[in-house]
C-alpha atoms as a PDB file:
ATOM      1  CA  MET A   1     115.096  93.226  95.091  1.00  0.00           C
ATOM      2  CA  GLY A   2     118.804  94.697  94.740  1.00  0.00           C
ATOM      3  CA  ALA A   3     121.886  93.154  95.736  1.00  0.00           C
ATOM      4  CA  SER A   4     123.370  93.821  99.249  1.00  0.00           C
ATOM      5  CA  ARG A   5     126.645  96.062  99.465  1.00  0.00           C
ATOM      6  CA  ARG A   6     127.687  94.543 102.535  1.00  0.00           C
ATOM      7  CA  ARG A   7     131.601  95.054 103.435  1.00  0.00           C
ATOM      8  CA  PRO A   8     133.249  92.108 104.052  1.00  0.00           C
ATOM      9  CA  ARG A   9     133.572  91.449 107.670  1.00  0.00           C
ATOM     10  CA  ARG A  10     137.612  92.699 108.609  1.00  0.00           C
ATOM     11  CA  PRO A  11     139.853  89.854 109.970  1.00  0.00           C
ATOM     12  CA  PRO A  12     140.400  89.671 113.925  1.00  0.00           C
ATOM     13  CA  GLY A  13     142.727  91.494 115.044  1.00  0.00           C
ATOM     14  CA  GLN A  14     143.465  93.864 111.724  1.00  0.00           C
ATOM     15  CA  ARG A  15     143.428  97.690 112.204  1.00  0.00           C
ATOM     16  CA  PRO A  16     141.513 100.227 110.144  1.00  0.00           C
ATOM     17  CA  GLY A  17     143.292 102.363 107.944  1.00  0.00           C
ATOM     18  CA  GLY A  18     142.634 105.637 107.562  1.00  0.00           C
ATOM     19  CA  ARG A  19     139.885 108.836 107.380  1.00  0.00           C
ATOM     20  CA  HIS A  20     138.547 107.320 104.044  1.00  0.00           C
ATOM     21  CA  GLU A  21     138.704 103.690 105.091  1.00  0.00           C
ATOM     22  CA  ALA A  22     136.843 104.543 108.627  1.00  0.00           C
ATOM     23  CA  ALA A  23     134.052 106.505 105.886  1.00  0.00           C
ATOM     24  CA  THR A  24     133.395 103.067 104.487  1.00  0.00           C
ATOM     25  CA  GLU A  25     133.173 100.727 107.139  1.00  0.00           C
ATOM     26  CA  THR A  26     130.298  99.135 108.858  1.00  0.00           C
ATOM     27  CA  TRP A  27     129.956 101.244 112.787  1.00  0.00           C
ATOM     28  CA  LEU A  28     128.571  99.873 115.943  1.00  0.00           C
ATOM     29  CA  ARG A  29     127.295 102.748 117.877  1.00  0.00           C
ATOM     30  CA  ALA A  30     128.530 101.809 121.281  1.00  0.00           C
ATOM     31  CA  GLY A  31     127.320 103.072 124.718  1.00  0.00           C
ATOM     32  CA  ASP A  32     124.715 105.699 125.909  1.00  0.00           C
ATOM     33  CA  PRO A  33     122.878 106.734 123.284  1.00  0.00           C
ATOM     34  CA  ARG A  34     122.260 110.845 125.105  1.00  0.00           C
ATOM     35  CA  ASP A  35     126.619 111.211 124.263  1.00  0.00           C
ATOM     36  CA  GLN A  36     127.500 108.260 122.867  1.00  0.00           C
ATOM     37  CA  HIS A  37     126.092 109.057 119.828  1.00  0.00           C
ATOM     38  CA  LEU A  38     125.888 112.395 119.119  1.00  0.00           C
ATOM     39  CA  LEU A  39     130.146 111.798 119.444  1.00  0.00           C
ATOM     40  CA  LEU A  40     130.782 109.219 117.013  1.00  0.00           C
ATOM     41  CA  THR A  41     128.411 111.383 114.758  1.00  0.00           C
ATOM     42  CA  SER A  42     130.640 114.311 115.869  1.00  0.00           C
ATOM     43  CA  ALA A  43     133.470 113.037 115.515  1.00  0.00           C
ATOM     44  CA  CYS A  44     132.651 111.801 111.739  1.00  0.00           C
ATOM     45  CA  ALA A  45     131.733 114.875 110.596  1.00  0.00           C
ATOM     46  CA  ALA A  46     134.773 116.294 111.954  1.00  0.00           C
ATOM     47  CA  ALA A  47     136.463 113.970 109.417  1.00  0.00           C
ATOM     48  CA  GLY A  48     134.668 114.731 106.845  1.00  0.00           C
ATOM     49  CA  PHE A  49     132.149 111.798 106.418  1.00  0.00           C
ATOM     50  CA  SER A  50     128.971 110.476 108.082  1.00  0.00           C
ATOM     51  CA  PRO A  51     128.808 106.481 109.863  1.00  0.00           C
ATOM     52  CA  ARG A  52     126.797 103.756 108.219  1.00  0.00           C
ATOM     53  CA  VAL A  53     125.850 102.934 111.368  1.00  0.00           C
ATOM     54  CA  THR A  54     124.028  98.868 111.609  1.00  0.00           C
ATOM     55  CA  HIS A  55     124.113  98.170 115.361  1.00  0.00           C
ATOM     56  CA  ASN A  56     123.372  99.797 118.657  1.00  0.00           C
ATOM     57  CA  ALA A  57     124.215  98.566 121.987  1.00  0.00           C
ATOM     58  CA  VAL A  58     124.772 100.077 125.123  1.00  0.00           C
ATOM     59  CA  ASP A  59     126.292  96.933 126.613  1.00  0.00           C
ATOM     60  CA  ARG A  60     130.331  97.119 125.954  1.00  0.00           C
ATOM     61  CA  SER A  61     130.773  93.123 126.130  1.00  0.00           C
ATOM     62  CA  ALA A  62     127.600  92.832 123.294  1.00  0.00           C
ATOM     63  CA  ILE A  63     130.030  95.908 121.317  1.00  0.00           C
ATOM     64  CA  ALA A  64     133.100  93.602 121.942  1.00  0.00           C
ATOM     65  CA  ALA A  65     131.853  90.451 120.626  1.00  0.00           C
ATOM     66  CA  LEU A  66     130.289  92.228 117.415  1.00  0.00           C
ATOM     67  CA  VAL A  67     133.650  94.078 116.981  1.00  0.00           C
ATOM     68  CA  ALA A  68     135.706  90.720 117.509  1.00  0.00           C
ATOM     69  CA  GLY A  69     133.398  89.044 115.053  1.00  0.00           C
ATOM     70  CA  GLY A  70     134.149  91.179 112.351  1.00  0.00           C
ATOM     71  CA  HIS A  71     130.659  92.626 112.212  1.00  0.00           C
ATOM     72  CA  GLY A  72     132.369  96.627 112.285  1.00  0.00           C
ATOM     73  CA  ILE A  73     134.031  99.117 114.117  1.00  0.00           C
ATOM     74  CA  CYS A  74     133.339 101.635 117.059  1.00  0.00           C
ATOM     75  CA  LEU A  75     134.597 104.635 118.875  1.00  0.00           C
ATOM     76  CA  LEU A  76     134.539 104.107 123.243  1.00  0.00           C
ATOM     77  CA  PRO A  77     135.854 106.679 125.714  1.00  0.00           C
ATOM     78  CA  ARG A  78     139.995 105.737 126.495  1.00  0.00           C
ATOM     79  CA  LEU A  79     138.605 104.559 129.869  1.00  0.00           C
ATOM     80  CA  ALA A  80     135.895 102.032 129.033  1.00  0.00           C
ATOM     81  CA  THR A  81     137.038  98.373 129.250  1.00  0.00           C
ATOM     82  CA  PHE A  82     136.022  95.248 126.990  1.00  0.00           C
ATOM     83  CA  PRO A  83     137.310  92.014 127.537  1.00  0.00           C
ATOM     84  CA  ARG A  84     140.789  91.275 126.386  1.00  0.00           C
ATOM     85  CA  SER A  85     140.564  89.483 123.111  1.00  0.00           C
ATOM     86  CA  ASP A  86     143.466  89.151 120.353  1.00  0.00           C
ATOM     87  CA  ALA A  87     140.675  89.974 117.992  1.00  0.00           C
ATOM     88  CA  LEU A  88     140.255  93.612 119.426  1.00  0.00           C
ATOM     89  CA  VAL A  89     142.479  95.989 118.318  1.00  0.00           C
ATOM     90  CA  ARG A  90     142.269  99.911 120.667  1.00  0.00           C
ATOM     91  CA  VAL A  91     143.254 102.371 117.811  1.00  0.00           C
ATOM     92  CA  PRO A  92     143.277 105.438 119.179  1.00  0.00           C
ATOM     93  CA  LEU A  93     142.100 108.652 117.768  1.00  0.00           C
ATOM     94  CA  THR A  94     144.637 111.197 116.177  1.00  0.00           C
ATOM     95  CA  GLY A  95     144.482 114.350 113.901  1.00  0.00           C
ATOM     96  CA  ASP A  96     143.443 117.864 114.168  1.00  0.00           C
ATOM     97  CA  VAL A  97     139.487 117.182 115.674  1.00  0.00           C
ATOM     98  CA  VAL A  98     140.101 114.560 119.120  1.00  0.00           C
ATOM     99  CA  PRO A  99     136.914 113.968 120.462  1.00  0.00           C
ATOM    100  CA  THR A 100     137.178 115.387 124.454  1.00  0.00           C
ATOM    101  CA  ARG A 101     134.726 115.257 127.244  1.00  0.00           C
ATOM    102  CA  ARG A 102     134.704 118.406 129.465  1.00  0.00           C
ATOM    103  CA  LEU A 103     133.696 117.316 132.907  1.00  0.00           C
ATOM    104  CA  VAL A 104     132.073 119.379 135.725  1.00  0.00           C
ATOM    105  CA  GLY A 105     131.996 119.156 139.541  1.00  0.00           C
ATOM    106  CA  PHE A 106     129.338 120.112 141.289  1.00  0.00           C
ATOM    107  CA  VAL A 107     128.816 120.514 145.265  1.00  0.00           C
ATOM    108  CA  ARG A 108     126.412 122.357 147.327  1.00  0.00           C
ATOM    109  CA  ARG A 109     127.456 126.358 148.150  1.00  0.00           C
ATOM    110  CA  GLY A 110     130.184 126.666 150.390  1.00  0.00           C
ATOM    111  CA  GLY A 111     130.518 122.774 150.380  1.00  0.00           C
ATOM    112  CA  SER A 112     134.166 123.230 148.216  1.00  0.00           C
ATOM    113  CA  ARG A 113     135.611 124.891 151.668  1.00  0.00           C
ATOM    114  CA  THR A 114     135.065 121.258 153.009  1.00  0.00           C
ATOM    115  CA  PRO A 115     138.391 119.495 153.668  1.00  0.00           C
ATOM    116  CA  LEU A 116     136.859 116.463 152.184  1.00  0.00           C
ATOM    117  CA  VAL A 117     135.549 118.199 149.305  1.00  0.00           C
ATOM    118  CA  ARG A 118     138.419 120.461 149.052  1.00  0.00           C
ATOM    119  CA  ASP A 119     140.778 117.692 148.170  1.00  0.00           C
ATOM    120  CA  GLY A 120     138.857 115.764 146.276  1.00  0.00           C
ATOM    121  CA  LEU A 121     138.062 118.624 143.597  1.00  0.00           C
ATOM    122  CA  ARG A 122     142.196 118.789 143.702  1.00  0.00           C
ATOM    123  CA  ALA A 123     142.809 115.659 143.291  1.00  0.00           C
ATOM    124  CA  LEU A 124     140.286 115.718 139.839  1.00  0.00           C
ATOM    125  CA  ARG A 125     141.824 118.919 138.852  1.00  0.00           C
ATOM    126  CA  GLU A 126     145.757 117.149 139.245  1.00  0.00           C
ATOM    127  CA  ALA A 127     144.430 114.314 137.446  1.00  0.00           C
ATOM    128  CA  ALA A 128     142.611 116.357 134.575  1.00  0.00           C
ATOM    129  CA  ALA A 129     146.551 118.200 134.273  1.00  0.00           C
ATOM    130  CA  GLU A 130     148.287 114.942 134.237  1.00  0.00           C
ATOM    131  CA  SER A 131     146.533 113.901 131.602  1.00  0.00           C
ATOM    132  CA  GLY A 132     146.329 117.341 129.287  1.00  0.00           C
ATOM    133  CA  GLY A 133     142.756 118.048 129.622  1.00  0.00           C
ATOM    134  CA  ALA A 134     142.619 120.685 132.163  1.00  0.00           C
ATOM    135  CA  HIS A 135     140.560 123.470 131.841  1.00  0.00           C
ATOM    136  CA  GLY A 136     141.164 125.941 134.576  1.00  0.00           C
ATOM    137  CA  GLY A 137     139.691 126.137 137.971  1.00  0.00           C
ATOM    138  CA  ALA A 138     136.568 126.191 140.076  1.00  0.00           C
ATOM    139  CA  HIS A 139     134.011 128.733 138.221  1.00  0.00           C
ATOM    140  CA  SER A 140     131.289 130.478 139.712  1.00  0.00           C
ATOM    141  CA  GLY A 141     127.850 129.178 140.085  1.00  0.00           C
ATOM    142  CA  GLY A 142     129.203 125.277 140.714  1.00  0.00           C
ATOM    143  CA  SER A 143     130.252 124.558 137.109  1.00  0.00           C
ATOM    144  CA  GLY A 144     134.041 123.211 136.489  1.00  0.00           C
ATOM    145  CA  LEU A 145     136.168 121.212 138.477  1.00  0.00           C
END
């Protein structure tokens, strides 16, 4: 049997380095595999590497415990909550390619004229514009916010 090339655990609270260190990190796939796993793979590919994934978990508390224990790093949506801990550090992604998510609202034909639905869609558009993520208005066919 060959020797394991396991990377030493990261000390609690230590921030990961740049792109080159991220390529050598142990990664944890967190969240719903239908979208989060593809997002991780795509983000890493855009940065020029494939993640070395050792654990998968849907439960964010489990992922937080693995990260806090030094077992790897993970990619989570900005709005994701996780337990507060001195061992966890949130590091915003920067660079030329940052993963984004586009939300699409669907309403019954004619439903967008209902005051409650119209006001709700307007509030979502305004929140998206404030966060820098607005992508136009409602489109025919029911897509878009």
